[in-house]
Amino acid sequence: MSTDCKTPRLTGRYFLAPTSMDLGDLKTGNAKHNEAMTKKSPIKVFLKKTKHKGNQRFKVVIDDPGSGPLTELRERYTRKSSAKRGALRKLKAYQLIMSDKWFSAGREVIFIDETKAAKK
């Protein structure tokens, strides 16, 4: 059996790293490593309170990154929390384990509350 230290060995469920592993690329800032660590611009979700009569007063506007137009959902919502949930469903967003951040298509989803501005 070969004891080549450049290839990982399989023991049980885990791979053992090579013993002569060179971490110089990570310390010097390899180009591939920098590309993987670049931050993408987030998706902004605006929660707006309209002056619509009745119970359903909250509206959702989604601003995707780029120069495209804003996406305004047709539905109106009774509560701010249900408007947030509707936006998450529209974006097919997911949440990482042990995190309070939401992500959609690899981008973070940021909620901007504009209900206080409508009261003034």
PDB file of N, CA and C in Angstrom:
ATOM      1  N   MET A   1       0.840  -1.178   0.000  1.00  0.00           N
ATOM      2  CA  MET A   1       0.000   0.000   0.000  1.00  0.00           C
ATOM      3  C   MET A   1       0.882   1.237   0.000  1.00  0.00           C
ATOM      4  N   SER A   2       0.557   2.169  -0.859  1.00  0.00           N
ATOM      5  CA  SER A   2       1.352   3.379  -1.005  1.00  0.00           C
ATOM      6  C   SER A   2       1.035   4.359   0.116  1.00  0.00           C
ATOM      7  N   THR A   3       2.042   5.021   0.608  1.00  0.00           N
ATOM      8  CA  THR A   3       1.850   6.039   1.650  1.00  0.00           C
ATOM      9  C   THR A   3       2.172   7.405   1.074  1.00  0.00           C
ATOM     10  N   ASP A   4       1.537   7.731  -0.034  1.00  0.00           N
ATOM     11  CA  ASP A   4       1.751   9.028  -0.676  1.00  0.00           C
ATOM     12  C   ASP A   4       1.072  10.096   0.165  1.00  0.00           C
ATOM     13  N   CYS A   5       1.819  11.068   0.653  1.00  0.00           N
ATOM     14  CA  CYS A   5       1.250  12.061   1.566  1.00  0.00           C
ATOM     15  C   CYS A   5       0.558  13.201   0.826  1.00  0.00           C
ATOM     16  N   LYS A   6       0.553  13.188  -0.518  1.00  0.00           N
ATOM     17  CA  LYS A   6      -0.093  14.265  -1.255  1.00  0.00           C
ATOM     18  C   LYS A   6      -1.571  13.974  -1.528  1.00  0.00           C
ATOM     19  N   THR A   7      -2.019  12.754  -1.384  1.00  0.00           N
ATOM     20  CA  THR A   7      -3.413  12.425  -1.629  1.00  0.00           C
ATOM     21  C   THR A   7      -4.114  12.183  -0.296  1.00  0.00           C
ATOM     22  N   PRO A   8      -5.372  12.616  -0.168  1.00  0.00           N
ATOM     23  CA  PRO A   8      -6.085  12.366   1.079  1.00  0.00           C
ATOM     24  C   PRO A   8      -6.427  10.891   1.232  1.00  0.00           C
ATOM     25  N   ARG A   9      -6.477  10.418   2.455  1.00  0.00           N
ATOM     26  CA  ARG A   9      -6.806   9.026   2.741  1.00  0.00           C
ATOM     27  C   ARG A   9      -8.194   8.964   3.368  1.00  0.00           C
ATOM     28  N   LEU A  10      -8.916   7.938   3.036  1.00  0.00           N
ATOM     29  CA  LEU A  10     -10.256   7.753   3.562  1.00  0.00           C
ATOM     30  C   LEU A  10     -10.189   6.796   4.744  1.00  0.00           C
ATOM     31  N   THR A  11     -10.645   7.267   5.895  1.00  0.00           N
ATOM     32  CA  THR A  11     -10.730   6.403   7.071  1.00  0.00           C
ATOM     33  C   THR A  11     -12.124   6.559   7.649  1.00  0.00           C
ATOM     34  N   GLY A  12     -12.931   5.555   7.526  1.00  0.00           N
ATOM     35  CA  GLY A  12     -14.298   5.653   8.037  1.00  0.00           C
ATOM     36  C   GLY A  12     -15.105   6.647   7.219  1.00  0.00           C
ATOM     37  N   ARG A  13     -15.649   7.658   7.899  1.00  0.00           N
ATOM     38  CA  ARG A  13     -16.455   8.663   7.221  1.00  0.00           C
ATOM     39  C   ARG A  13     -15.659   9.913   6.883  1.00  0.00           C
ATOM     40  N   TYR A  14     -14.444  10.028   7.338  1.00  0.00           N
ATOM     41  CA  TYR A  14     -13.705  11.271   7.217  1.00  0.00           C
ATOM     42  C   TYR A  14     -12.502  11.134   6.297  1.00  0.00           C
ATOM     43  N   PHE A  15     -12.169  12.209   5.621  1.00  0.00           N
ATOM     44  CA  PHE A  15     -10.946  12.275   4.836  1.00  0.00           C
ATOM     45  C   PHE A  15      -9.873  12.895   5.704  1.00  0.00           C
ATOM     46  N   LEU A  16      -8.709  12.285   5.712  1.00  0.00           N
ATOM     47  CA  LEU A  16      -7.566  12.866   6.401  1.00  0.00           C
ATOM     48  C   LEU A  16      -6.827  13.769   5.428  1.00  0.00           C
ATOM     49  N   ALA A  17      -6.504  14.958   5.876  1.00  0.00           N
ATOM     50  CA  ALA A  17      -5.792  15.903   5.025  1.00  0.00           C
ATOM     51  C   ALA A  17      -4.360  15.433   4.830  1.00  0.00           C
ATOM     52  N   PRO A  18      -3.747  15.785   3.721  1.00  0.00           N
ATOM     53  CA  PRO A  18      -2.340  15.433   3.527  1.00  0.00           C
ATOM     54  C   PRO A  18      -1.480  16.064   4.619  1.00  0.00           C
ATOM     55  N   THR A  19      -0.430  15.375   4.982  1.00  0.00           N
ATOM     56  CA  THR A  19       0.415  15.875   6.067  1.00  0.00           C
ATOM     57  C   THR A  19       1.277  17.042   5.627  1.00  0.00           C
ATOM     58  N   SER A  20       1.632  17.111   4.361  1.00  0.00           N
ATOM     59  CA  SER A  20       2.466  18.218   3.887  1.00  0.00           C
ATOM     60  C   SER A  20       1.593  19.253   3.176  1.00  0.00           C
ATOM     61  N   MET A  21       0.539  19.699   3.849  1.00  0.00           N
ATOM     62  CA  MET A  21      -0.403  20.635   3.249  1.00  0.00           C
ATOM     63  C   MET A  21       0.173  22.045   3.272  1.00  0.00           C
ATOM     64  N   ASP A  22       0.116  22.713   2.143  1.00  0.00           N
ATOM     65  CA  ASP A  22       0.669  24.053   2.034  1.00  0.00           C
ATOM     66  C   ASP A  22      -0.478  25.056   2.117  1.00  0.00           C
ATOM     67  N   LEU A  23      -0.469  25.901   3.128  1.00  0.00           N
ATOM     68  CA  LEU A  23      -1.504  26.920   3.297  1.00  0.00           C
ATOM     69  C   LEU A  23      -1.022  28.280   2.816  1.00  0.00           C
ATOM     70  N   GLY A  24       0.025  28.302   2.037  1.00  0.00           N
ATOM     71  CA  GLY A  24       0.579  29.569   1.570  1.00  0.00           C
ATOM     72  C   GLY A  24      -0.387  30.347   0.697  1.00  0.00           C
ATOM     73  N   ASP A  25      -1.207  29.664  -0.098  1.00  0.00           N
ATOM     74  CA  ASP A  25      -2.146  30.359  -0.971  1.00  0.00           C
ATOM     75  C   ASP A  25      -3.178  31.128  -0.168  1.00  0.00           C
ATOM     76  N   LEU A  26      -3.629  30.572   0.930  1.00  0.00           N
ATOM     77  CA  LEU A  26      -4.619  31.265   1.739  1.00  0.00           C
ATOM     78  C   LEU A  26      -4.021  32.462   2.467  1.00  0.00           C
ATOM     79  N   LYS A  27      -2.762  32.342   2.878  1.00  0.00           N
ATOM     80  CA  LYS A  27      -2.126  33.436   3.609  1.00  0.00           C
ATOM     81  C   LYS A  27      -1.771  34.602   2.694  1.00  0.00           C
ATOM     82  N   THR A  28      -1.395  34.314   1.450  1.00  0.00           N
ATOM     83  CA  THR A  28      -0.981  35.382   0.549  1.00  0.00           C
ATOM     84  C   THR A  28      -2.140  36.010  -0.190  1.00  0.00           C
ATOM     85  N   GLY A  29      -3.322  35.428  -0.139  1.00  0.00           N
ATOM     86  CA  GLY A  29      -4.475  36.004  -0.820  1.00  0.00           C
ATOM     87  C   GLY A  29      -4.555  35.560  -2.266  1.00  0.00           C
ATOM     88  N   ASN A  30      -4.721  34.298  -2.481  1.00  0.00           N
ATOM     89  CA  ASN A  30      -4.850  33.735  -3.813  1.00  0.00           C
ATOM     90  C   ASN A  30      -6.030  34.382  -4.531  1.00  0.00           C
ATOM     91  N   ALA A  31      -5.971  34.535  -5.854  1.00  0.00           N
ATOM     92  CA  ALA A  31      -7.034  35.180  -6.625  1.00  0.00           C
ATOM     93  C   ALA A  31      -8.336  34.397  -6.525  1.00  0.00           C
ATOM     94  N   LYS A  32      -8.268  33.057  -6.571  1.00  0.00           N
ATOM     95  CA  LYS A  32      -9.485  32.255  -6.458  1.00  0.00           C
ATOM     96  C   LYS A  32     -10.123  32.428  -5.094  1.00  0.00           C
ATOM     97  N   HIS A  33      -9.295  32.526  -4.071  1.00  0.00           N
ATOM     98  CA  HIS A  33      -9.810  32.703  -2.715  1.00  0.00           C
ATOM     99  C   HIS A  33     -10.484  34.059  -2.576  1.00  0.00           C
ATOM    100  N   ASN A  34      -9.929  35.110  -3.176  1.00  0.00           N
ATOM    101  CA  ASN A  34     -10.526  36.440  -3.096  1.00  0.00           C
ATOM    102  C   ASN A  34     -11.846  36.501  -3.849  1.00  0.00           C
ATOM    103  N   GLU A  35     -11.954  35.800  -4.973  1.00  0.00           N
ATOM    104  CA  GLU A  35     -13.207  35.792  -5.723  1.00  0.00           C
ATOM    105  C   GLU A  35     -14.317  35.113  -4.927  1.00  0.00           C
ATOM    106  N   ALA A  36     -13.960  34.074  -4.195  1.00  0.00           N
ATOM    107  CA  ALA A  36     -14.970  33.360  -3.418  1.00  0.00           C
ATOM    108  C   ALA A  36     -15.446  34.178  -2.234  1.00  0.00           C
ATOM    109  N   MET A  37     -14.627  35.077  -1.742  1.00  0.00           N
ATOM    110  CA  MET A  37     -14.971  35.844  -0.559  1.00  0.00           C
ATOM    111  C   MET A  37     -15.582  37.209  -0.871  1.00  0.00           C
ATOM    112  N   THR A  38     -15.796  37.551  -2.150  1.00  0.00           N
ATOM    113  CA  THR A  38     -16.376  38.848  -2.466  1.00  0.00           C
ATOM    114  C   THR A  38     -17.818  38.883  -2.012  1.00  0.00           C
ATOM    115  N   LYS A  39     -18.237  40.057  -1.558  1.00  0.00           N
ATOM    116  CA  LYS A  39     -19.590  40.211  -1.026  1.00  0.00           C
ATOM    117  C   LYS A  39     -20.520  40.657  -2.147  1.00  0.00           C
ATOM    118  N   LYS A  40     -21.642  39.969  -2.269  1.00  0.00           N
ATOM    119  CA  LYS A  40     -22.634  40.335  -3.270  1.00  0.00           C
ATOM    120  C   LYS A  40     -23.566  41.379  -2.681  1.00  0.00           C
ATOM    121  N   SER A  41     -24.120  42.230  -3.552  1.00  0.00           N
ATOM    122  CA  SER A  41     -25.047  43.241  -3.064  1.00  0.00           C
ATOM    123  C   SER A  41     -26.355  42.568  -2.651  1.00  0.00           C
ATOM    124  N   PRO A  42     -26.977  43.027  -1.562  1.00  0.00           N
ATOM    125  CA  PRO A  42     -28.165  42.344  -1.037  1.00  0.00           C
ATOM    126  C   PRO A  42     -29.432  42.680  -1.820  1.00  0.00           C
ATOM    127  N   ILE A  43     -30.460  41.882  -1.592  1.00  0.00           N
ATOM    128  CA  ILE A  43     -31.798  42.141  -2.127  1.00  0.00           C
ATOM    129  C   ILE A  43     -32.537  42.956  -1.072  1.00  0.00           C
ATOM    130  N   LYS A  44     -33.078  44.114  -1.472  1.00  0.00           N
ATOM    131  CA  LYS A  44     -33.775  44.977  -0.524  1.00  0.00           C
ATOM    132  C   LYS A  44     -35.281  44.783  -0.675  1.00  0.00           C
ATOM    133  N   VAL A  45     -35.945  44.589   0.453  1.00  0.00           N
ATOM    134  CA  VAL A  45     -37.396  44.428   0.471  1.00  0.00           C
ATOM    135  C   VAL A  45     -37.971  45.579   1.283  1.00  0.00           C
ATOM    136  N   PHE A  46     -38.803  46.398   0.654  1.00  0.00           N
ATOM    137  CA  PHE A  46     -39.416  47.539   1.318  1.00  0.00           C
ATOM    138  C   PHE A  46     -40.824  47.163   1.763  1.00  0.00           C
ATOM    139  N   LEU A  47     -41.133  47.364   3.035  1.00  0.00           N
ATOM    140  CA  LEU A  47     -42.479  47.153   3.570  1.00  0.00           C
ATOM    141  C   LEU A  47     -43.121  48.522   3.721  1.00  0.00           C
ATOM    142  N   LYS A  48     -44.170  48.784   2.949  1.00  0.00           N
ATOM    143  CA  LYS A  48     -44.797  50.109   2.921  1.00  0.00           C
ATOM    144  C   LYS A  48     -46.219  50.025   3.436  1.00  0.00           C
ATOM    145  N   LYS A  49     -46.610  51.060   4.151  1.00  0.00           N
ATOM    146  CA  LYS A  49     -47.992  51.172   4.616  1.00  0.00           C
ATOM    147  C   LYS A  49     -48.705  52.154   3.702  1.00  0.00           C
ATOM    148  N   THR A  50     -49.760  51.701   3.041  1.00  0.00           N
ATOM    149  CA  THR A  50     -50.490  52.544   2.097  1.00  0.00           C
ATOM    150  C   THR A  50     -51.642  53.238   2.807  1.00  0.00           C
ATOM    151  N   LYS A  51     -52.277  54.169   2.106  1.00  0.00           N
ATOM    152  CA  LYS A  51     -53.433  54.873   2.658  1.00  0.00           C
ATOM    153  C   LYS A  51     -54.732  54.239   2.168  1.00  0.00           C
ATOM    154  N   HIS A  52     -54.676  52.959   1.865  1.00  0.00           N
ATOM    155  CA  HIS A  52     -55.824  52.219   1.372  1.00  0.00           C
ATOM    156  C   HIS A  52     -56.829  52.013   2.505  1.00  0.00           C
ATOM    157  N   LYS A  53     -58.094  52.233   2.225  1.00  0.00           N
ATOM    158  CA  LYS A  53     -59.126  52.011   3.241  1.00  0.00           C
ATOM    159  C   LYS A  53     -59.348  50.518   3.418  1.00  0.00           C
ATOM    160  N   GLY A  54     -59.637  50.119   4.631  1.00  0.00           N
ATOM    161  CA  GLY A  54     -59.854  48.711   4.910  1.00  0.00           C
ATOM    162  C   GLY A  54     -58.732  48.145   5.754  1.00  0.00           C
ATOM    163  N   ASN A  55     -58.711  46.843   5.847  1.00  0.00           N
ATOM    164  CA  ASN A  55     -57.737  46.190   6.708  1.00  0.00           C
ATOM    165  C   ASN A  55     -56.385  45.969   6.038  1.00  0.00           C
ATOM    166  N   GLN A  56     -56.377  45.720   4.756  1.00  0.00           N
ATOM    167  CA  GLN A  56     -55.131  45.338   4.092  1.00  0.00           C
ATOM    168  C   GLN A  56     -54.378  46.586   3.641  1.00  0.00           C
ATOM    169  N   ARG A  57     -53.485  47.048   4.487  1.00  0.00           N
ATOM    170  CA  ARG A  57     -52.792  48.302   4.220  1.00  0.00           C
ATOM    171  C   ARG A  57     -51.323  48.154   3.873  1.00  0.00           C
ATOM    172  N   PHE A  58     -50.736  46.986   4.056  1.00  0.00           N
ATOM    173  CA  PHE A  58     -49.299  46.832   3.852  1.00  0.00           C
ATOM    174  C   PHE A  58     -49.010  46.301   2.454  1.00  0.00           C
ATOM    175  N   LYS A  59     -47.986  46.859   1.827  1.00  0.00           N
ATOM    176  CA  LYS A  59     -47.576  46.494   0.477  1.00  0.00           C
ATOM    177  C   LYS A  59     -46.088  46.164   0.498  1.00  0.00           C
ATOM    178  N   VAL A  60     -45.653  45.319  -0.433  1.00  0.00           N
ATOM    179  CA  VAL A  60     -44.255  44.881  -0.511  1.00  0.00           C
ATOM    180  C   VAL A  60     -43.680  45.297  -1.861  1.00  0.00           C
ATOM    181  N   VAL A  61     -42.477  45.908  -1.815  1.00  0.00           N
ATOM    182  CA  VAL A  61     -41.749  46.278  -3.025  1.00  0.00           C
ATOM    183  C   VAL A  61     -40.356  45.660  -2.908  1.00  0.00           C
ATOM    184  N   ILE A  62     -39.925  44.920  -3.946  1.00  0.00           N
ATOM    185  CA  ILE A  62     -38.645  44.218  -3.933  1.00  0.00           C
ATOM    186  C   ILE A  62     -37.699  44.889  -4.912  1.00  0.00           C
ATOM    187  N   ASP A  63     -36.499  45.222  -4.427  1.00  0.00           N
ATOM    188  CA  ASP A  63     -35.460  45.836  -5.251  1.00  0.00           C
ATOM    189  C   ASP A  63     -34.338  44.830  -5.439  1.00  0.00           C
ATOM    190  N   ASP A  64     -34.327  44.149  -6.597  1.00  0.00           N
ATOM    191  CA  ASP A  64     -33.245  43.228  -6.919  1.00  0.00           C
ATOM    192  C   ASP A  64     -32.011  44.030  -7.320  1.00  0.00           C
ATOM    193  N   PRO A  65     -30.812  43.497  -7.091  1.00  0.00           N
ATOM    194  CA  PRO A  65     -29.603  44.199  -7.512  1.00  0.00           C
ATOM    195  C   PRO A  65     -29.581  44.370  -9.027  1.00  0.00           C
ATOM    196  N   GLY A  66     -29.035  45.471  -9.459  1.00  0.00           N
ATOM    197  CA  GLY A  66     -28.970  45.760 -10.887  1.00  0.00           C
ATOM    198  C   GLY A  66     -29.811  46.974 -11.225  1.00  0.00           C
ATOM    199  N   SER A  67     -29.903  47.274 -12.499  1.00  0.00           N
ATOM    200  CA  SER A  67     -30.602  48.479 -12.933  1.00  0.00           C
ATOM    201  C   SER A  67     -32.037  48.212 -13.366  1.00  0.00           C
ATOM    202  N   GLY A  68     -32.562  47.050 -13.057  1.00  0.00           N
ATOM    203  CA  GLY A  68     -33.933  46.714 -13.453  1.00  0.00           C
ATOM    204  C   GLY A  68     -34.965  47.445 -12.607  1.00  0.00           C
ATOM    205  N   PRO A  69     -36.230  47.387 -13.018  1.00  0.00           N
ATOM    206  CA  PRO A  69     -37.274  48.075 -12.252  1.00  0.00           C
ATOM    207  C   PRO A  69     -37.581  47.350 -10.939  1.00  0.00           C
ATOM    208  N   LEU A  70     -38.230  48.068 -10.035  1.00  0.00           N
ATOM    209  CA  LEU A  70     -38.661  47.483  -8.771  1.00  0.00           C
ATOM    210  C   LEU A  70     -39.811  46.514  -9.023  1.00  0.00           C
ATOM    211  N   THR A  71     -39.857  45.452  -8.232  1.00  0.00           N
ATOM    212  CA  THR A  71     -40.937  44.474  -8.329  1.00  0.00           C
ATOM    213  C   THR A  71     -41.924  44.757  -7.209  1.00  0.00           C
ATOM    214  N   GLU A  72     -43.149  45.080  -7.572  1.00  0.00           N
ATOM    215  CA  GLU A  72     -44.174  45.371  -6.569  1.00  0.00           C
ATOM    216  C   GLU A  72     -45.176  44.223  -6.566  1.00  0.00           C
ATOM    217  N   LEU A  73     -45.354  43.599  -5.407  1.00  0.00           N
ATOM    218  CA  LEU A  73     -46.303  42.492  -5.314  1.00  0.00           C
ATOM    219  C   LEU A  73     -47.722  43.024  -5.390  1.00  0.00           C
ATOM    220  N   ARG A  74     -48.600  42.290  -6.050  1.00  0.00           N
ATOM    221  CA  ARG A  74     -49.981  42.738  -6.219  1.00  0.00           C
ATOM    222  C   ARG A  74     -50.784  42.611  -4.936  1.00  0.00           C
ATOM    223  N   GLU A  75     -50.409  41.663  -4.091  1.00  0.00           N
ATOM    224  CA  GLU A  75     -51.165  41.423  -2.869  1.00  0.00           C
ATOM    225  C   GLU A  75     -50.917  42.529  -1.864  1.00  0.00           C
ATOM    226  N   ARG A  76     -51.950  42.801  -1.084  1.00  0.00           N
ATOM    227  CA  ARG A  76     -51.805  43.673   0.081  1.00  0.00           C
ATOM    228  C   ARG A  76     -51.993  42.794   1.302  1.00  0.00           C
ATOM    229  N   TYR A  77     -51.388  43.202   2.404  1.00  0.00           N
ATOM    230  CA  TYR A  77     -51.379  42.369   3.595  1.00  0.00           C
ATOM    231  C   TYR A  77     -51.942  43.129   4.783  1.00  0.00           C
ATOM    232  N   THR A  78     -52.500  42.371   5.742  1.00  0.00           N
ATOM    233  CA  THR A  78     -53.086  42.952   6.936  1.00  0.00           C
ATOM    234  C   THR A  78     -52.019  43.361   7.937  1.00  0.00           C
ATOM    235  N   ARG A  79     -51.022  42.519   8.101  1.00  0.00           N
ATOM    236  CA  ARG A  79     -49.977  42.769   9.094  1.00  0.00           C
ATOM    237  C   ARG A  79     -48.615  42.876   8.418  1.00  0.00           C
ATOM    238  N   LYS A  80     -47.719  43.562   9.106  1.00  0.00           N
ATOM    239  CA  LYS A  80     -46.365  43.717   8.592  1.00  0.00           C
ATOM    240  C   LYS A  80     -45.642  42.367   8.540  1.00  0.00           C
ATOM    241  N   SER A  81     -45.894  41.515   9.517  1.00  0.00           N
ATOM    242  CA  SER A  81     -45.236  40.205   9.549  1.00  0.00           C
ATOM    243  C   SER A  81     -45.710  39.318   8.402  1.00  0.00           C
ATOM    244  N   SER A  82     -46.984  39.399   8.043  1.00  0.00           N
ATOM    245  CA  SER A  82     -47.466  38.595   6.917  1.00  0.00           C
ATOM    246  C   SER A  82     -46.957  39.150   5.588  1.00  0.00           C
ATOM    247  N   ALA A  83     -46.714  40.456   5.507  1.00  0.00           N
ATOM    248  CA  ALA A  83     -46.111  41.034   4.301  1.00  0.00           C
ATOM    249  C   ALA A  83     -44.677  40.553   4.145  1.00  0.00           C
ATOM    250  N   LYS A  84     -43.964  40.460   5.262  1.00  0.00           N
ATOM    251  CA  LYS A  84     -42.587  39.958   5.232  1.00  0.00           C
ATOM    252  C   LYS A  84     -42.567  38.495   4.787  1.00  0.00           C
ATOM    253  N   ARG A  85     -43.501  37.698   5.304  1.00  0.00           N
ATOM    254  CA  ARG A  85     -43.589  36.290   4.932  1.00  0.00           C
ATOM    255  C   ARG A  85     -43.920  36.129   3.452  1.00  0.00           C
ATOM    256  N   GLY A  86     -44.816  36.980   2.926  1.00  0.00           N
ATOM    257  CA  GLY A  86     -45.150  36.928   1.504  1.00  0.00           C
ATOM    258  C   GLY A  86     -43.957  37.255   0.615  1.00  0.00           C
ATOM    259  N   ALA A  87     -43.129  38.216   1.057  1.00  0.00           N
ATOM    260  CA  ALA A  87     -41.933  38.563   0.288  1.00  0.00           C
ATOM    261  C   ALA A  87     -40.932  37.410   0.299  1.00  0.00           C
ATOM    262  N   LEU A  88     -40.785  36.744   1.444  1.00  0.00           N
ATOM    263  CA  LEU A  88     -39.869  35.605   1.534  1.00  0.00           C
ATOM    264  C   LEU A  88     -40.325  34.455   0.640  1.00  0.00           C
ATOM    265  N   ARG A  89     -41.626  34.252   0.559  1.00  0.00           N
ATOM    266  CA  ARG A  89     -42.153  33.197  -0.317  1.00  0.00           C
ATOM    267  C   ARG A  89     -41.936  33.542  -1.784  1.00  0.00           C
ATOM    268  N   LYS A  90     -42.127  34.806  -2.119  1.00  0.00           N
ATOM    269  CA  LYS A  90     -41.929  35.242  -3.505  1.00  0.00           C
ATOM    270  C   LYS A  90     -40.474  35.053  -3.932  1.00  0.00           C
ATOM    271  N   LEU A  91     -39.545  35.354  -3.020  1.00  0.00           N
ATOM    272  CA  LEU A  91     -38.121  35.239  -3.322  1.00  0.00           C
ATOM    273  C   LEU A  91     -37.594  33.812  -3.172  1.00  0.00           C
ATOM    274  N   LYS A  92     -38.425  32.909  -2.631  1.00  0.00           N
ATOM    275  CA  LYS A  92     -38.000  31.536  -2.314  1.00  0.00           C
ATOM    276  C   LYS A  92     -36.761  31.573  -1.429  1.00  0.00           C
ATOM    277  N   ALA A  93     -36.835  32.375  -0.388  1.00  0.00           N
ATOM    278  CA  ALA A  93     -35.699  32.600   0.500  1.00  0.00           C
ATOM    279  C   ALA A  93     -35.541  31.437   1.475  1.00  0.00           C
ATOM    280  N   TYR A  94     -34.340  31.295   1.983  1.00  0.00           N
ATOM    281  CA  TYR A  94     -34.020  30.260   2.958  1.00  0.00           C
ATOM    282  C   TYR A  94     -33.184  30.881   4.068  1.00  0.00           C
ATOM    283  N   GLN A  95     -33.181  30.217   5.193  1.00  0.00           N
ATOM    284  CA  GLN A  95     -32.459  30.698   6.361  1.00  0.00           C
ATOM    285  C   GLN A  95     -31.438  29.649   6.775  1.00  0.00           C
ATOM    286  N   LEU A  96     -30.231  30.092   7.067  1.00  0.00           N
ATOM    287  CA  LEU A  96     -29.194  29.166   7.495  1.00  0.00           C
ATOM    288  C   LEU A  96     -29.427  28.745   8.932  1.00  0.00           C
ATOM    289  N   ILE A  97     -28.876  27.601   9.312  1.00  0.00           N
ATOM    290  CA  ILE A  97     -29.044  27.091  10.668  1.00  0.00           C
ATOM    291  C   ILE A  97     -28.344  28.030  11.637  1.00  0.00           C
ATOM    292  N   MET A  98     -28.990  28.300  12.737  1.00  0.00           N
ATOM    293  CA  MET A  98     -28.457  29.146  13.810  1.00  0.00           C
ATOM    294  C   MET A  98     -28.140  30.561  13.315  1.00  0.00           C
ATOM    295  N   SER A  99     -28.963  31.094  12.439  1.00  0.00           N
ATOM    296  CA  SER A  99     -28.755  32.434  11.913  1.00  0.00           C
ATOM    297  C   SER A  99     -30.103  33.125  11.781  1.00  0.00           C
ATOM    298  N   ASP A 100     -30.101  34.439  11.919  1.00  0.00           N
ATOM    299  CA  ASP A 100     -31.340  35.183  11.742  1.00  0.00           C
ATOM    300  C   ASP A 100     -31.382  35.887  10.384  1.00  0.00           C
ATOM    301  N   LYS A 101     -30.408  35.618   9.520  1.00  0.00           N
ATOM    302  CA  LYS A 101     -30.369  36.224   8.196  1.00  0.00           C
ATOM    303  C   LYS A 101     -31.076  35.331   7.182  1.00  0.00           C
ATOM    304  N   TRP A 102     -31.715  35.986   6.190  1.00  0.00           N
ATOM    305  CA  TRP A 102     -32.386  35.276   5.114  1.00  0.00           C
ATOM    306  C   TRP A 102     -31.585  35.447   3.834  1.00  0.00           C
ATOM    307  N   PHE A 103     -31.595  34.414   2.979  1.00  0.00           N
ATOM    308  CA  PHE A 103     -30.854  34.440   1.726  1.00  0.00           C
ATOM    309  C   PHE A 103     -31.745  33.967   0.591  1.00  0.00           C
ATOM    310  N   SER A 104     -31.508  34.529  -0.600  1.00  0.00           N
ATOM    311  CA  SER A 104     -32.216  34.118  -1.800  1.00  0.00           C
ATOM    312  C   SER A 104     -31.234  34.203  -2.966  1.00  0.00           C
ATOM    313  N   ALA A 105     -31.061  33.116  -3.668  1.00  0.00           N
ATOM    314  CA  ALA A 105     -30.143  33.033  -4.810  1.00  0.00           C
ATOM    315  C   ALA A 105     -28.734  33.456  -4.413  1.00  0.00           C
ATOM    316  N   GLY A 106     -28.295  33.086  -3.222  1.00  0.00           N
ATOM    317  CA  GLY A 106     -26.947  33.392  -2.768  1.00  0.00           C
ATOM    318  C   GLY A 106     -26.744  34.810  -2.282  1.00  0.00           C
ATOM    319  N   ARG A 107     -27.805  35.600  -2.214  1.00  0.00           N
ATOM    320  CA  ARG A 107     -27.716  36.985  -1.748  1.00  0.00           C
ATOM    321  C   ARG A 107     -28.522  37.143  -0.465  1.00  0.00           C
ATOM    322  N   GLU A 108     -28.062  38.050   0.378  1.00  0.00           N
ATOM    323  CA  GLU A 108     -28.773  38.305   1.623  1.00  0.00           C
ATOM    324  C   GLU A 108     -30.017  39.147   1.340  1.00  0.00           C
ATOM    325  N   VAL A 109     -31.084  38.886   2.074  1.00  0.00           N
ATOM    326  CA  VAL A 109     -32.324  39.646   1.946  1.00  0.00           C
ATOM    327  C   VAL A 109     -32.401  40.606   3.122  1.00  0.00           C
ATOM    328  N   ILE A 110     -32.533  41.915   2.820  1.00  0.00           N
ATOM    329  CA  ILE A 110     -32.605  42.948   3.849  1.00  0.00           C
ATOM    330  C   ILE A 110     -33.995  43.563   3.804  1.00  0.00           C
ATOM    331  N   PHE A 111     -34.624  43.686   4.978  1.00  0.00           N
ATOM    332  CA  PHE A 111     -35.954  44.288   5.071  1.00  0.00           C
ATOM    333  C   PHE A 111     -35.825  45.729   5.536  1.00  0.00           C
ATOM    334  N   ILE A 112     -36.485  46.640   4.803  1.00  0.00           N
ATOM    335  CA  ILE A 112     -36.475  48.057   5.143  1.00  0.00           C
ATOM    336  C   ILE A 112     -37.914  48.450   5.453  1.00  0.00           C
ATOM    337  N   ASP A 113     -38.148  48.873   6.684  1.00  0.00           N
ATOM    338  CA  ASP A 113     -39.488  49.198   7.153  1.00  0.00           C
ATOM    339  C   ASP A 113     -39.780  50.668   6.862  1.00  0.00           C
ATOM    340  N   GLU A 114     -40.738  50.927   5.990  1.00  0.00           N
ATOM    341  CA  GLU A 114     -41.118  52.303   5.658  1.00  0.00           C
ATOM    342  C   GLU A 114     -42.502  52.640   6.195  1.00  0.00           C
ATOM    343  N   THR A 115     -42.988  51.891   7.163  1.00  0.00           N
ATOM    344  CA  THR A 115     -44.317  52.168   7.694  1.00  0.00           C
ATOM    345  C   THR A 115     -44.310  53.416   8.566  1.00  0.00           C
ATOM    346  N   LYS A 116     -43.214  53.715   9.237  1.00  0.00           N
ATOM    347  CA  LYS A 116     -43.144  54.883  10.101  1.00  0.00           C
ATOM    348  C   LYS A 116     -43.122  56.171   9.288  1.00  0.00           C
ATOM    349  N   ALA A 117     -42.576  56.116   8.070  1.00  0.00           N
ATOM    350  CA  ALA A 117     -42.525  57.295   7.218  1.00  0.00           C
ATOM    351  C   ALA A 117     -43.913  57.662   6.710  1.00  0.00           C
ATOM    352  N   ALA A 118     -44.822  56.709   6.575  1.00  0.00           N
ATOM    353  CA  ALA A 118     -46.169  56.981   6.067  1.00  0.00           C
ATOM    354  C   ALA A 118     -47.027  57.676   7.121  1.00  0.00           C
ATOM    355  N   LYS A 119     -46.713  57.514   8.411  1.00  0.00           N
ATOM    356  CA  LYS A 119     -47.504  58.138   9.468  1.00  0.00           C
ATOM    357  C   LYS A 119     -47.289  59.642   9.535  1.00  0.00           C
ATOM    358  N   LYS A 120     -46.116  60.133   9.110  1.00  0.00           N
ATOM    359  CA  LYS A 120     -45.785  61.563   9.234  1.00  0.00           C
ATOM    360  C   LYS A 120     -46.541  62.406   8.259  1.00  0.00           C
TER     361      LYS A 120
END
